[in-house]
C-alpha atoms as a PDB file:
ATOM      1  CA  UNK A   1      90.787  90.865  71.437  1.00  0.00           C
ATOM      2  CA  UNK A   2      89.697  87.611  73.049  1.00  0.00           C
ATOM      3  CA  UNK A   3      87.171  87.849  75.875  1.00  0.00           C
ATOM      4  CA  UNK A   4      87.469  85.982  79.157  1.00  0.00           C
ATOM      5  CA  UNK A   5      84.633  85.829  81.684  1.00  0.00           C
ATOM      6  CA  UNK A   6      85.555  85.524  85.370  1.00  0.00           C
ATOM      7  CA  UNK A   7      82.813  84.669  87.876  1.00  0.00           C
ATOM      8  CA  UNK A   8      83.748  84.924  91.559  1.00  0.00           C
ATOM      9  CA  UNK A   9      82.107  86.492  94.607  1.00  0.00           C
ATOM     10  CA  UNK A  10      85.531  87.612  95.882  1.00  0.00           C
ATOM     11  CA  UNK A  11      86.310  91.031  94.384  1.00  0.00           C
ATOM     12  CA  UNK A  12      90.013  90.756  95.282  1.00  0.00           C
ATOM     13  CA  UNK A  13      90.312  87.603  93.170  1.00  0.00           C
ATOM     14  CA  UNK A  14      88.457  89.315  90.320  1.00  0.00           C
ATOM     15  CA  UNK A  15      90.782  92.327  90.498  1.00  0.00           C
ATOM     16  CA  UNK A  16      93.828  90.061  90.399  1.00  0.00           C
ATOM     17  CA  UNK A  17      92.438  88.107  87.428  1.00  0.00           C
ATOM     18  CA  UNK A  18      91.578  91.341  85.647  1.00  0.00           C
ATOM     19  CA  UNK A  19      95.096  92.702  86.180  1.00  0.00           C
ATOM     20  CA  UNK A  20      96.801  89.491  85.028  1.00  0.00           C
ATOM     21  CA  UNK A  21      94.646  88.895  81.987  1.00  0.00           C
ATOM     22  CA  UNK A  22      94.543  92.501  80.765  1.00  0.00           C
ATOM     23  CA  UNK A  23      98.338  92.620  81.041  1.00  0.00           C
ATOM     24  CA  UNK A  24      98.377  89.547  78.767  1.00  0.00           C
ATOM     25  CA  UNK A  25      96.154  91.306  76.203  1.00  0.00           C
ATOM     26  CA  UNK A  26      92.760  89.792  77.009  1.00  0.00           C
ATOM     27  CA  UNK A  27      89.465  91.624  77.369  1.00  0.00           C
ATOM     28  CA  UNK A  28      88.079  90.490  80.733  1.00  0.00           C
ATOM     29  CA  UNK A  29      84.483  90.673  81.903  1.00  0.00           C
ATOM     30  CA  UNK A  30      83.813  90.017  85.601  1.00  0.00           C
ATOM     31  CA  UNK A  31      80.709  88.993  87.559  1.00  0.00           C
ATOM     32  CA  UNK A  32      80.161  88.432  91.272  1.00  0.00           C
ATOM     33  CA  UNK A  33      77.265  85.942  91.114  1.00  0.00           C
ATOM     34  CA  UNK A  34      76.352  82.795  89.251  1.00  0.00           C
ATOM     35  CA  UNK A  35      73.105  84.203  87.892  1.00  0.00           C
ATOM     36  CA  UNK A  36      74.867  87.276  86.497  1.00  0.00           C
ATOM     37  CA  UNK A  37      77.644  85.072  85.105  1.00  0.00           C
ATOM     38  CA  UNK A  38      75.238  82.917  83.102  1.00  0.00           C
ATOM     39  CA  UNK A  39      73.646  86.034  81.560  1.00  0.00           C
ATOM     40  CA  UNK A  40      77.052  87.518  80.716  1.00  0.00           C
ATOM     41  CA  UNK A  41      78.223  84.260  79.136  1.00  0.00           C
ATOM     42  CA  UNK A  42      75.195  84.328  76.832  1.00  0.00           C
ATOM     43  CA  UNK A  43      75.780  88.006  75.980  1.00  0.00           C
ATOM     44  CA  UNK A  44      79.542  88.157  75.396  1.00  0.00           C
ATOM     45  CA  UNK A  45      80.393  84.598  74.232  1.00  0.00           C
ATOM     46  CA  UNK A  46      83.811  84.460  75.956  1.00  0.00           C
ATOM     47  CA  UNK A  47      86.672  82.235  74.806  1.00  0.00           C
ATOM     48  CA  UNK A  48      86.866  80.791  78.341  1.00  0.00           C
ATOM     49  CA  UNK A  49      85.080  81.101  81.690  1.00  0.00           C
ATOM     50  CA  UNK A  50      87.054  81.148  84.946  1.00  0.00           C
ATOM     51  CA  UNK A  51      84.591  80.102  87.645  1.00  0.00           C
ATOM     52  CA  UNK A  52      84.682  79.955  91.442  1.00  0.00           C
ATOM     53  CA  UNK A  53      82.993  76.980  93.120  1.00  0.00           C
ATOM     54  CA  UNK A  54      81.897  78.479  96.453  1.00  0.00           C
ATOM     55  CA  UNK A  55      79.549  81.406  95.888  1.00  0.00           C
ATOM     56  CA  UNK A  56      76.404  82.480  97.725  1.00  0.00           C
ATOM     57  CA  UNK A  57      73.142  81.661  95.998  1.00  0.00           C
ATOM     58  CA  UNK A  58      73.980  79.571  92.951  1.00  0.00           C
ATOM     59  CA  UNK A  59      77.346  77.848  93.407  1.00  0.00           C
ATOM     60  CA  UNK A  60      79.840  77.267  90.614  1.00  0.00           C
ATOM     61  CA  UNK A  61      78.876  73.622  90.153  1.00  0.00           C
ATOM     62  CA  UNK A  62      75.293  74.629  89.344  1.00  0.00           C
ATOM     63  CA  UNK A  63      76.500  77.472  87.102  1.00  0.00           C
ATOM     64  CA  UNK A  64      78.687  75.008  85.194  1.00  0.00           C
ATOM     65  CA  UNK A  65      75.799  72.549  84.750  1.00  0.00           C
ATOM     66  CA  UNK A  66      73.509  75.302  83.466  1.00  0.00           C
ATOM     67  CA  UNK A  67      76.125  76.611  81.057  1.00  0.00           C
ATOM     68  CA  UNK A  68      76.640  73.087  79.708  1.00  0.00           C
ATOM     69  CA  UNK A  69      72.876  72.597  79.297  1.00  0.00           C
ATOM     70  CA  UNK A  70      72.501  75.793  77.212  1.00  0.00           C
ATOM     71  CA  UNK A  71      73.273  75.404  73.517  1.00  0.00           C
ATOM     72  CA  UNK A  72      74.696  78.970  73.395  1.00  0.00           C
ATOM     73  CA  UNK A  73      77.288  78.300  76.111  1.00  0.00           C
ATOM     74  CA  UNK A  74      77.727  74.517  76.103  1.00  0.00           C
ATOM     75  CA  UNK A  75      81.075  74.507  74.296  1.00  0.00           C
ATOM     76  CA  UNK A  76      82.798  77.396  76.116  1.00  0.00           C
ATOM     77  CA  UNK A  77      85.758  76.009  78.106  1.00  0.00           C
ATOM     78  CA  UNK A  78      85.305  76.351  81.889  1.00  0.00           C
ATOM     79  CA  UNK A  79      88.205  76.488  84.341  1.00  0.00           C
ATOM     80  CA  UNK A  80      87.253  76.167  88.010  1.00  0.00           C
ATOM     81  CA  UNK A  81      89.300  78.257  90.421  1.00  0.00           C
ATOM     82  CA  UNK A  82      88.538  77.157  93.977  1.00  0.00           C
ATOM     83  CA  UNK A  83      89.794  76.921  97.529  1.00  0.00           C
ATOM     84  CA  UNK A  84      88.214  73.451  97.703  1.00  0.00           C
ATOM     85  CA  UNK A  85      91.026  71.053  96.898  1.00  0.00           C
ATOM     86  CA  UNK A  86      89.886  67.661  98.129  1.00  0.00           C
ATOM     87  CA  UNK A  87      89.692  64.967  95.455  1.00  0.00           C
ATOM     88  CA  UNK A  88      85.908  64.709  95.847  1.00  0.00           C
ATOM     89  CA  UNK A  89      85.518  68.451  95.144  1.00  0.00           C
ATOM     90  CA  UNK A  90      87.746  68.295  92.082  1.00  0.00           C
ATOM     91  CA  UNK A  91      85.729  65.317  90.803  1.00  0.00           C
ATOM     92  CA  UNK A  92      82.447  67.202  91.388  1.00  0.00           C
ATOM     93  CA  UNK A  93      83.779  70.045  89.268  1.00  0.00           C
ATOM     94  CA  UNK A  94      84.946  67.809  86.455  1.00  0.00           C
ATOM     95  CA  UNK A  95      81.723  65.780  86.523  1.00  0.00           C
ATOM     96  CA  UNK A  96      79.699  69.008  86.274  1.00  0.00           C
ATOM     97  CA  UNK A  97      81.423  69.602  82.946  1.00  0.00           C
ATOM     98  CA  UNK A  98      84.463  71.769  83.632  1.00  0.00           C
ATOM     99  CA  UNK A  99      87.575  71.510  81.489  1.00  0.00           C
ATOM    100  CA  UNK A 100      90.009  72.134  84.332  1.00  0.00           C
ATOM    101  CA  UNK A 101      90.324  72.776  88.060  1.00  0.00           C
ATOM    102  CA  UNK A 102      92.868  74.969  89.828  1.00  0.00           C
ATOM    103  CA  UNK A 103      93.295  75.732  93.505  1.00  0.00           C
ATOM    104  CA  UNK A 104      93.379  79.095  95.264  1.00  0.00           C
ATOM    105  CA  UNK A 105      95.756  80.600  96.014  1.00  0.00           C
ATOM    106  CA  UNK A 106      97.070  80.160  92.489  1.00  0.00           C
ATOM    107  CA  UNK A 107     100.344  80.881  90.753  1.00  0.00           C
ATOM    108  CA  UNK A 108      99.664  83.595  88.133  1.00  0.00           C
ATOM    109  CA  UNK A 109     101.849  81.906  85.500  1.00  0.00           C
ATOM    110  CA  UNK A 110     100.123  78.560  86.023  1.00  0.00           C
ATOM    111  CA  UNK A 111      96.683  80.145  85.718  1.00  0.00           C
ATOM    112  CA  UNK A 112      97.695  81.870  82.474  1.00  0.00           C
ATOM    113  CA  UNK A 113      99.144  78.629  81.124  1.00  0.00           C
ATOM    114  CA  UNK A 114      95.951  76.666  81.931  1.00  0.00           C
ATOM    115  CA  UNK A 115      93.664  79.357  80.525  1.00  0.00           C
ATOM    116  CA  UNK A 116      95.667  79.709  77.310  1.00  0.00           C
ATOM    117  CA  UNK A 117      95.771  75.939  76.858  1.00  0.00           C
ATOM    118  CA  UNK A 118      91.957  75.833  77.017  1.00  0.00           C
ATOM    119  CA  UNK A 119      91.624  78.835  74.685  1.00  0.00           C
ATOM    120  CA  UNK A 120      93.978  77.201  72.149  1.00  0.00           C
ATOM    121  CA  UNK A 121      92.121  73.899  72.412  1.00  0.00           C
ATOM    122  CA  UNK A 122      88.862  75.693  71.624  1.00  0.00           C
ATOM    123  CA  UNK A 123      90.257  77.680  68.658  1.00  0.00           C
END
């Protein structure tokens, strides 16, 4: 079973992601902070990381940069999931090294399509 790591400080979003992805047959690991997310990524080696941008402490942009700088996690696809939709925010996410950027609230089918596209690209 393929693992997906979701990092978001909003537990409702994590519960929704967990429901959607488990229903689709994925094993999902969730974290509520950037620091915890980096550790989990190194431990579980997920097929993809779904990452929020706005989090207290270390934000998603910094998490993405640190994941890209670590040889263990550098090649794991990262999909940002954020309420920040201005072009400058999307560019910040892509420049930090993400493979995609989706806006909250999201369409479940679109999120699954984006995630599976990145998983297939990595396989």
